[in-house]
Amino acid sequence: MTFGARTNRNSALKIGNTPIEYVSSFKYLGCNFAKSGSFLTMRRHLVNQANKALHLLYKRLYTCKP
């Protein structure tokens, strides 16, 4: 997989006889990488995960009140 802002999609990169595909983004070890080089998508994903975890925590706290 390759990506980049200045990728020449007409050239076919190969390893052996296997062509390498061009992508706009991919996830590696839980981190989202985009062709723009910005980590904005990764930050948004982490914020969404944190909001879900906090919502679940608050929900469980309110149901446990005496």
N, C-alpha and C. Protein backbone atom coordinates (compact mmCIF):
# COMPACT_ATOMS: atom_id res chain seq x y z
N MET A 1 0.84 -1.18 0.00
CA MET A 1 0.00 0.00 0.00
C MET A 1 0.88 1.24 0.00
N THR A 2 0.54 2.15 -0.83
CA THR A 2 1.23 3.43 -0.85
C THR A 2 0.20 4.53 -0.95
N PHE A 3 0.58 5.69 -0.44
CA PHE A 3 -0.26 6.86 -0.62
C PHE A 3 0.62 8.09 -0.53
N GLY A 4 0.10 9.20 -0.96
CA GLY A 4 0.81 10.45 -0.91
C GLY A 4 0.10 11.49 -1.74
N ALA A 5 0.39 12.74 -1.48
CA ALA A 5 -0.28 13.82 -2.19
C ALA A 5 0.19 13.88 -3.64
N ARG A 6 1.41 13.48 -3.91
CA ARG A 6 1.97 13.59 -5.26
C ARG A 6 2.19 12.23 -5.89
N THR A 7 1.32 11.32 -5.63
CA THR A 7 1.47 9.97 -6.16
C THR A 7 1.14 9.93 -7.64
N ASN A 8 2.03 9.38 -8.42
CA ASN A 8 1.78 9.18 -9.85
C ASN A 8 1.10 7.83 -10.01
N ARG A 9 -0.20 7.85 -10.21
CA ARG A 9 -0.96 6.59 -10.26
C ARG A 9 -0.78 5.86 -11.58
N ASN A 10 -0.14 6.47 -12.54
CA ASN A 10 0.08 5.80 -13.82
C ASN A 10 1.22 4.79 -13.73
N SER A 11 2.15 5.02 -12.83
CA SER A 11 3.25 4.07 -12.68
C SER A 11 2.80 2.93 -11.78
N ALA A 12 3.13 1.74 -12.14
CA ALA A 12 2.74 0.56 -11.39
C ALA A 12 3.93 0.06 -10.58
N LEU A 13 3.83 0.21 -9.27
CA LEU A 13 4.87 -0.32 -8.39
C LEU A 13 4.59 -1.78 -8.12
N LYS A 14 5.64 -2.58 -8.12
CA LYS A 14 5.49 -4.01 -7.90
C LYS A 14 6.58 -4.51 -6.97
N ILE A 15 6.22 -5.51 -6.20
CA ILE A 15 7.19 -6.28 -5.43
C ILE A 15 7.11 -7.68 -6.01
N GLY A 16 8.16 -8.06 -6.70
CA GLY A 16 8.10 -9.32 -7.45
C GLY A 16 7.10 -9.14 -8.58
N ASN A 17 6.07 -9.97 -8.62
CA ASN A 17 5.02 -9.85 -9.62
C ASN A 17 3.73 -9.29 -9.03
N THR A 18 3.76 -8.93 -7.74
CA THR A 18 2.56 -8.44 -7.05
C THR A 18 2.51 -6.92 -7.12
N PRO A 19 1.46 -6.37 -7.72
CA PRO A 19 1.34 -4.90 -7.77
C PRO A 19 0.96 -4.34 -6.39
N ILE A 20 1.46 -3.14 -6.11
CA ILE A 20 1.15 -2.46 -4.85
C ILE A 20 0.00 -1.51 -5.10
N GLU A 21 -1.03 -1.58 -4.26
CA GLU A 21 -2.21 -0.74 -4.47
C GLU A 21 -2.02 0.65 -3.85
N TYR A 22 -2.68 1.64 -4.42
CA TYR A 22 -2.70 3.00 -3.91
C TYR A 22 -3.96 3.18 -3.09
N VAL A 23 -3.82 3.75 -1.89
CA VAL A 23 -4.97 3.98 -1.01
C VAL A 23 -4.94 5.42 -0.52
N SER A 24 -6.09 5.92 -0.07
CA SER A 24 -6.14 7.29 0.45
C SER A 24 -5.89 7.31 1.96
N SER A 25 -6.16 6.20 2.64
CA SER A 25 -5.87 6.11 4.08
C SER A 25 -5.81 4.64 4.47
N PHE A 26 -5.16 4.37 5.61
CA PHE A 26 -5.14 3.02 6.14
C PHE A 26 -4.89 3.07 7.63
N LYS A 27 -5.24 1.97 8.30
CA LYS A 27 -5.08 1.86 9.74
C LYS A 27 -3.93 0.90 10.04
N TYR A 28 -2.99 1.34 10.88
CA TYR A 28 -1.86 0.52 11.26
C TYR A 28 -1.70 0.62 12.76
N LEU A 29 -1.79 -0.50 13.45
CA LEU A 29 -1.68 -0.56 14.91
C LEU A 29 -2.65 0.40 15.59
N GLY A 30 -3.85 0.51 15.06
CA GLY A 30 -4.88 1.35 15.66
C GLY A 30 -4.79 2.82 15.31
N CYS A 31 -3.81 3.22 14.52
CA CYS A 31 -3.66 4.62 14.12
C CYS A 31 -4.08 4.77 12.67
N ASN A 32 -4.91 5.77 12.40
CA ASN A 32 -5.36 6.04 11.04
C ASN A 32 -4.38 7.00 10.37
N PHE A 33 -3.85 6.60 9.24
CA PHE A 33 -2.95 7.44 8.47
C PHE A 33 -3.66 7.86 7.19
N ALA A 34 -3.60 9.16 6.86
CA ALA A 34 -4.25 9.68 5.67
C ALA A 34 -3.19 10.18 4.69
N LYS A 35 -3.58 10.26 3.42
CA LYS A 35 -2.62 10.70 2.40
C LYS A 35 -2.22 12.15 2.57
N SER A 36 -3.03 12.94 3.27
CA SER A 36 -2.69 14.34 3.49
C SER A 36 -1.57 14.51 4.51
N GLY A 37 -1.31 13.46 5.31
CA GLY A 37 -0.28 13.55 6.33
C GLY A 37 -0.81 14.12 7.63
N SER A 38 -2.08 14.43 7.68
CA SER A 38 -2.69 14.99 8.88
C SER A 38 -3.17 13.86 9.79
N PHE A 39 -3.11 14.10 11.08
CA PHE A 39 -3.59 13.12 12.05
C PHE A 39 -4.99 13.47 12.53
N LEU A 40 -5.70 14.32 11.78
CA LEU A 40 -7.03 14.75 12.17
C LEU A 40 -8.00 13.57 12.26
N THR A 41 -7.95 12.66 11.31
CA THR A 41 -8.87 11.51 11.35
C THR A 41 -8.57 10.62 12.56
N MET A 42 -7.30 10.48 12.90
CA MET A 42 -6.95 9.67 14.06
C MET A 42 -7.44 10.35 15.35
N ARG A 43 -7.28 11.67 15.43
CA ARG A 43 -7.75 12.39 16.62
C ARG A 43 -9.26 12.29 16.75
N ARG A 44 -9.98 12.42 15.64
CA ARG A 44 -11.45 12.31 15.69
C ARG A 44 -11.87 10.92 16.15
N HIS A 45 -11.20 9.90 15.66
CA HIS A 45 -11.52 8.54 16.05
C HIS A 45 -11.27 8.34 17.55
N LEU A 46 -10.16 8.84 18.06
CA LEU A 46 -9.86 8.70 19.48
C LEU A 46 -10.86 9.47 20.34
N VAL A 47 -11.28 10.64 19.90
CA VAL A 47 -12.28 11.42 20.64
C VAL A 47 -13.60 10.67 20.68
N ASN A 48 -14.00 10.08 19.56
CA ASN A 48 -15.24 9.30 19.53
C ASN A 48 -15.18 8.09 20.47
N GLN A 49 -14.05 7.42 20.51
CA GLN A 49 -13.89 6.29 21.41
C GLN A 49 -13.96 6.74 22.86
N ALA A 50 -13.32 7.86 23.18
CA ALA A 50 -13.34 8.37 24.55
C ALA A 50 -14.75 8.78 24.96
N ASN A 51 -15.49 9.41 24.06
CA ASN A 51 -16.87 9.81 24.36
C ASN A 51 -17.75 8.59 24.62
N LYS A 52 -17.57 7.54 23.85
CA LYS A 52 -18.35 6.32 24.07
C LYS A 52 -18.03 5.70 25.43
N ALA A 53 -16.74 5.68 25.78
CA ALA A 53 -16.33 5.11 27.06
C ALA A 53 -16.88 5.93 28.23
N LEU A 54 -16.83 7.26 28.12
CA LEU A 54 -17.35 8.12 29.18
C LEU A 54 -18.86 7.97 29.32
N HIS A 55 -19.56 7.88 28.20
CA HIS A 55 -21.01 7.70 28.25
C HIS A 55 -21.36 6.40 28.97
N LEU A 56 -20.66 5.33 28.66
CA LEU A 56 -20.91 4.05 29.31
C LEU A 56 -20.59 4.13 30.80
N LEU A 57 -19.50 4.81 31.14
CA LEU A 57 -19.12 4.96 32.54
C LEU A 57 -20.18 5.75 33.31
N TYR A 58 -20.64 6.87 32.76
CA TYR A 58 -21.68 7.66 33.41
C TYR A 58 -22.97 6.87 33.56
N LYS A 59 -23.31 6.11 32.54
CA LYS A 59 -24.53 5.31 32.57
C LYS A 59 -24.46 4.28 33.71
N ARG A 60 -23.32 3.65 33.86
CA ARG A 60 -23.16 2.65 34.93
C ARG A 60 -23.11 3.30 36.31
N LEU A 61 -22.53 4.50 36.40
CA LEU A 61 -22.48 5.19 37.69
C LEU A 61 -23.87 5.58 38.16
N TYR A 62 -24.71 6.06 37.25
CA TYR A 62 -26.06 6.50 37.62
C TYR A 62 -26.95 5.32 37.99
N THR A 63 -26.70 4.15 37.41
CA THR A 63 -27.53 3.00 37.76
C THR A 63 -27.09 2.37 39.09
N CYS A 64 -25.90 2.69 39.56
CA CYS A 64 -25.39 2.13 40.82
C CYS A 64 -25.67 3.01 42.03
N LYS A 65 -26.24 4.19 41.83
CA LYS A 65 -26.51 5.09 42.96
C LYS A 65 -27.53 4.46 43.90
N PRO A 66 -27.30 4.61 45.23
CA PRO A 66 -28.27 4.06 46.21
C PRO A 66 -29.51 4.94 46.33
